[in-house]
Amino acid sequence: MQSEAFREPVTVYLKDPDGVVRPTRICTTEEAYKALTSGEQIPVGEAEWHVALDTIVRALLDPKPELVEAGRRALQRLANLTAVPDAGRRIIH
């Protein structure tokens, strides 16, 4: 697997080991994979999470620019869905 840089970073909200949710800039396919697969509860019931994970894994296995961009877009969609206006932020898993 080869990590590739995104053309622009994606900001997601991840829970630190101390339990505080913080914005985190994801700049590569490897960082995206780690963000999607680490954490207390992985949302296997969420379709958007599966799409993001699938496209990131495809980009890791075959780092063509169009696959890397597809992975970035899928991660961005997931990040946008987990941003709840007027109710704070939710983590991506």
N, C-alpha and C. Protein backbone atom coordinates (compact mmCIF):
# COMPACT_ATOMS: atom_id res chain seq x y z
N MET A 1 0.85 -1.17 0.00
CA MET A 1 0.00 0.00 0.00
C MET A 1 0.90 1.23 0.00
N GLN A 2 0.50 2.19 -0.81
CA GLN A 2 1.28 3.40 -0.95
C GLN A 2 0.43 4.61 -0.57
N SER A 3 0.95 5.42 0.34
CA SER A 3 0.22 6.62 0.76
C SER A 3 0.49 7.75 -0.22
N GLU A 4 -0.57 8.44 -0.60
CA GLU A 4 -0.47 9.58 -1.51
C GLU A 4 -1.09 10.80 -0.86
N ALA A 5 -0.55 11.96 -1.18
CA ALA A 5 -1.09 13.21 -0.63
C ALA A 5 -2.35 13.61 -1.38
N PHE A 6 -3.32 14.17 -0.63
CA PHE A 6 -4.51 14.75 -1.24
C PHE A 6 -4.16 16.09 -1.86
N ARG A 7 -4.92 16.52 -2.86
CA ARG A 7 -4.68 17.83 -3.47
C ARG A 7 -5.01 18.95 -2.49
N GLU A 8 -5.92 18.69 -1.56
CA GLU A 8 -6.18 19.60 -0.46
C GLU A 8 -6.63 18.76 0.73
N PRO A 9 -6.28 19.18 1.94
CA PRO A 9 -6.62 18.37 3.12
C PRO A 9 -8.11 18.39 3.43
N VAL A 10 -8.52 17.41 4.20
CA VAL A 10 -9.90 17.31 4.69
C VAL A 10 -9.83 17.43 6.21
N THR A 11 -10.68 18.27 6.78
CA THR A 11 -10.74 18.39 8.23
C THR A 11 -11.85 17.51 8.77
N VAL A 12 -11.48 16.61 9.67
CA VAL A 12 -12.45 15.73 10.32
C VAL A 12 -12.33 15.94 11.83
N TYR A 13 -13.30 15.46 12.57
CA TYR A 13 -13.28 15.58 14.02
C TYR A 13 -13.05 14.20 14.61
N LEU A 14 -11.94 14.08 15.35
CA LEU A 14 -11.56 12.81 15.95
C LEU A 14 -11.43 12.98 17.46
N LYS A 15 -11.72 11.90 18.17
CA LYS A 15 -11.61 11.92 19.62
C LYS A 15 -10.19 11.52 20.02
N ASP A 16 -9.55 12.39 20.80
CA ASP A 16 -8.22 12.11 21.33
C ASP A 16 -8.32 11.07 22.44
N PRO A 17 -7.18 10.46 22.81
CA PRO A 17 -7.21 9.48 23.91
C PRO A 17 -7.76 10.06 25.22
N ASP A 18 -7.66 11.39 25.38
CA ASP A 18 -8.20 12.00 26.60
C ASP A 18 -9.71 12.26 26.52
N GLY A 19 -10.32 11.87 25.39
CA GLY A 19 -11.77 11.99 25.24
C GLY A 19 -12.24 13.29 24.63
N VAL A 20 -11.33 14.20 24.33
CA VAL A 20 -11.70 15.49 23.74
C VAL A 20 -11.77 15.36 22.23
N VAL A 21 -12.86 15.88 21.64
CA VAL A 21 -13.01 15.85 20.19
C VAL A 21 -12.33 17.09 19.61
N ARG A 22 -11.43 16.85 18.67
CA ARG A 22 -10.66 17.95 18.08
C ARG A 22 -10.67 17.85 16.55
N PRO A 23 -10.59 19.01 15.87
CA PRO A 23 -10.46 18.98 14.42
C PRO A 23 -9.07 18.43 14.06
N THR A 24 -9.03 17.60 13.03
CA THR A 24 -7.80 16.98 12.58
C THR A 24 -7.72 17.10 11.06
N ARG A 25 -6.61 17.60 10.57
CA ARG A 25 -6.40 17.71 9.12
C ARG A 25 -5.87 16.39 8.59
N ILE A 26 -6.57 15.84 7.62
CA ILE A 26 -6.16 14.60 6.96
C ILE A 26 -5.58 14.99 5.60
N CYS A 27 -4.31 14.66 5.39
CA CYS A 27 -3.60 15.11 4.18
C CYS A 27 -3.20 13.98 3.24
N THR A 28 -3.27 12.73 3.69
CA THR A 28 -2.85 11.60 2.85
C THR A 28 -3.85 10.46 2.94
N THR A 29 -3.73 9.54 2.01
CA THR A 29 -4.60 8.37 2.03
C THR A 29 -4.32 7.49 3.26
N GLU A 30 -3.08 7.42 3.68
CA GLU A 30 -2.77 6.63 4.88
C GLU A 30 -3.38 7.25 6.13
N GLU A 31 -3.30 8.58 6.26
CA GLU A 31 -3.93 9.26 7.40
C GLU A 31 -5.44 9.03 7.38
N ALA A 32 -6.04 9.06 6.19
CA ALA A 32 -7.48 8.83 6.07
C ALA A 32 -7.83 7.42 6.52
N TYR A 33 -7.06 6.43 6.09
CA TYR A 33 -7.31 5.05 6.49
C TYR A 33 -7.23 4.89 8.01
N LYS A 34 -6.20 5.47 8.60
CA LYS A 34 -6.04 5.37 10.06
C LYS A 34 -7.20 6.05 10.78
N ALA A 35 -7.63 7.20 10.27
CA ALA A 35 -8.74 7.92 10.90
C ALA A 35 -10.03 7.12 10.82
N LEU A 36 -10.24 6.43 9.71
CA LEU A 36 -11.47 5.67 9.52
C LEU A 36 -11.49 4.36 10.30
N THR A 37 -10.32 3.80 10.60
CA THR A 37 -10.28 2.47 11.20
C THR A 37 -9.83 2.46 12.65
N SER A 38 -9.55 3.60 13.22
CA SER A 38 -9.17 3.63 14.63
C SER A 38 -10.28 4.31 15.42
N GLY A 39 -10.34 4.02 16.66
CA GLY A 39 -11.38 4.63 17.49
C GLY A 39 -12.13 3.58 18.28
N GLU A 40 -13.00 4.07 19.13
CA GLU A 40 -13.72 3.19 20.03
C GLU A 40 -14.79 2.38 19.31
N GLN A 41 -15.63 3.06 18.53
CA GLN A 41 -16.72 2.38 17.84
C GLN A 41 -16.67 2.73 16.36
N ILE A 42 -16.46 1.74 15.54
CA ILE A 42 -16.43 1.95 14.09
C ILE A 42 -17.86 1.78 13.60
N PRO A 43 -18.39 2.76 12.85
CA PRO A 43 -19.81 2.74 12.46
C PRO A 43 -20.08 1.84 11.25
N VAL A 44 -19.99 0.54 11.44
CA VAL A 44 -20.17 -0.39 10.33
C VAL A 44 -21.58 -0.33 9.75
N GLY A 45 -22.52 0.27 10.43
CA GLY A 45 -23.88 0.40 9.92
C GLY A 45 -24.10 1.63 9.07
N GLU A 46 -23.10 2.48 8.94
CA GLU A 46 -23.24 3.73 8.18
C GLU A 46 -22.70 3.56 6.76
N ALA A 47 -23.56 3.74 5.78
CA ALA A 47 -23.17 3.56 4.38
C ALA A 47 -22.06 4.53 3.97
N GLU A 48 -22.11 5.76 4.44
CA GLU A 48 -21.11 6.75 4.05
C GLU A 48 -19.73 6.37 4.54
N TRP A 49 -19.66 5.76 5.73
CA TRP A 49 -18.38 5.31 6.25
C TRP A 49 -17.81 4.21 5.36
N HIS A 50 -18.67 3.28 4.92
CA HIS A 50 -18.23 2.19 4.04
C HIS A 50 -17.72 2.73 2.72
N VAL A 51 -18.43 3.69 2.15
CA VAL A 51 -18.00 4.29 0.88
C VAL A 51 -16.64 4.94 1.04
N ALA A 52 -16.46 5.72 2.11
CA ALA A 52 -15.19 6.40 2.34
C ALA A 52 -14.06 5.38 2.52
N LEU A 53 -14.29 4.36 3.33
CA LEU A 53 -13.26 3.34 3.56
C LEU A 53 -12.92 2.62 2.26
N ASP A 54 -13.92 2.23 1.49
CA ASP A 54 -13.69 1.52 0.24
C ASP A 54 -12.86 2.36 -0.73
N THR A 55 -13.20 3.63 -0.89
CA THR A 55 -12.46 4.45 -1.85
C THR A 55 -11.05 4.75 -1.37
N ILE A 56 -10.85 4.89 -0.07
CA ILE A 56 -9.50 5.11 0.46
C ILE A 56 -8.65 3.86 0.27
N VAL A 57 -9.20 2.69 0.54
CA VAL A 57 -8.44 1.44 0.34
C VAL A 57 -8.08 1.27 -1.13
N ARG A 58 -9.01 1.57 -2.04
CA ARG A 58 -8.70 1.49 -3.47
C ARG A 58 -7.55 2.42 -3.84
N ALA A 59 -7.55 3.63 -3.27
CA ALA A 59 -6.48 4.59 -3.55
C ALA A 59 -5.14 4.13 -2.96
N LEU A 60 -5.18 3.47 -1.82
CA LEU A 60 -3.95 2.93 -1.24
C LEU A 60 -3.38 1.81 -2.09
N LEU A 61 -4.25 0.96 -2.61
CA LEU A 61 -3.80 -0.18 -3.42
C LEU A 61 -3.40 0.21 -4.83
N ASP A 62 -4.03 1.23 -5.38
CA ASP A 62 -3.75 1.69 -6.74
C ASP A 62 -3.77 3.22 -6.74
N PRO A 63 -2.65 3.86 -6.43
CA PRO A 63 -2.63 5.30 -6.18
C PRO A 63 -2.69 6.18 -7.44
N LYS A 64 -3.60 5.87 -8.33
CA LYS A 64 -3.83 6.75 -9.47
C LYS A 64 -4.44 8.05 -8.96
N PRO A 65 -4.10 9.17 -9.57
CA PRO A 65 -4.63 10.46 -9.09
C PRO A 65 -6.16 10.49 -8.99
N GLU A 66 -6.85 9.88 -9.93
CA GLU A 66 -8.31 9.91 -9.89
C GLU A 66 -8.87 9.09 -8.73
N LEU A 67 -8.18 8.02 -8.34
CA LEU A 67 -8.62 7.23 -7.19
C LEU A 67 -8.31 7.94 -5.87
N VAL A 68 -7.16 8.61 -5.82
CA VAL A 68 -6.82 9.39 -4.63
C VAL A 68 -7.84 10.51 -4.44
N GLU A 69 -8.20 11.19 -5.53
CA GLU A 69 -9.19 12.27 -5.45
C GLU A 69 -10.56 11.72 -5.07
N ALA A 70 -10.94 10.57 -5.58
CA ALA A 70 -12.22 9.96 -5.22
C ALA A 70 -12.24 9.65 -3.72
N GLY A 71 -11.12 9.17 -3.19
CA GLY A 71 -11.03 8.90 -1.76
C GLY A 71 -11.15 10.18 -0.94
N ARG A 72 -10.50 11.24 -1.39
CA ARG A 72 -10.59 12.52 -0.69
C ARG A 72 -12.01 13.04 -0.68
N ARG A 73 -12.69 12.95 -1.84
CA ARG A 73 -14.07 13.43 -1.93
C ARG A 73 -15.00 12.62 -1.02
N ALA A 74 -14.81 11.30 -0.96
CA ALA A 74 -15.65 10.46 -0.10
C ALA A 74 -15.41 10.79 1.37
N LEU A 75 -14.16 11.03 1.74
CA LEU A 75 -13.87 11.42 3.12
C LEU A 75 -14.47 12.78 3.42
N GLN A 76 -14.42 13.70 2.46
CA GLN A 76 -15.00 15.03 2.67
C GLN A 76 -16.52 14.93 2.85
N ARG A 77 -17.18 14.08 2.05
CA ARG A 77 -18.63 13.89 2.21
C ARG A 77 -18.96 13.37 3.60
N LEU A 78 -18.19 12.39 4.07
CA LEU A 78 -18.40 11.86 5.41
C LEU A 78 -18.18 12.94 6.46
N ALA A 79 -17.13 13.73 6.30
CA ALA A 79 -16.86 14.82 7.25
C ALA A 79 -17.99 15.83 7.24
N ASN A 80 -18.52 16.14 6.07
CA ASN A 80 -19.64 17.09 5.98
C ASN A 80 -20.89 16.55 6.66
N LEU A 81 -21.14 15.26 6.54
CA LEU A 81 -22.32 14.65 7.15
C LEU A 81 -22.23 14.61 8.67
N THR A 82 -21.01 14.55 9.19
CA THR A 82 -20.86 14.47 10.64
C THR A 82 -20.78 15.84 11.29
N ALA A 83 -20.81 16.90 10.50
CA ALA A 83 -20.83 18.25 11.04
C ALA A 83 -22.28 18.65 11.26
N VAL A 84 -22.67 18.81 12.50
CA VAL A 84 -24.06 19.12 12.83
C VAL A 84 -24.15 20.60 13.23
N PRO A 85 -24.83 21.43 12.43
CA PRO A 85 -24.93 22.85 12.80
C PRO A 85 -25.67 23.04 14.11
N ASP A 86 -25.22 23.99 14.88
CA ASP A 86 -25.84 24.39 16.15
C ASP A 86 -25.89 23.27 17.20
N ALA A 87 -25.23 22.16 16.94
CA ALA A 87 -25.23 21.08 17.94
C ALA A 87 -23.81 20.58 18.18
N GLY A 88 -22.84 21.36 17.81
CA GLY A 88 -21.45 20.93 17.97
C GLY A 88 -21.03 20.03 16.82
N ARG A 89 -20.00 19.28 17.04
CA ARG A 89 -19.46 18.39 16.01
C ARG A 89 -19.52 16.96 16.49
N ARG A 90 -19.74 16.06 15.54
CA ARG A 90 -19.66 14.63 15.84
C ARG A 90 -18.40 14.10 15.22
N ILE A 91 -17.89 13.04 15.77
CA ILE A 91 -16.68 12.42 15.21
C ILE A 91 -17.08 11.54 14.03
N ILE A 92 -16.10 11.24 13.15
CA ILE A 92 -16.42 10.46 11.96
C ILE A 92 -16.69 9.00 12.30
N HIS A 93 -16.42 8.58 13.51
CA HIS A 93 -16.83 7.25 13.98
C HIS A 93 -16.94 7.26 15.46
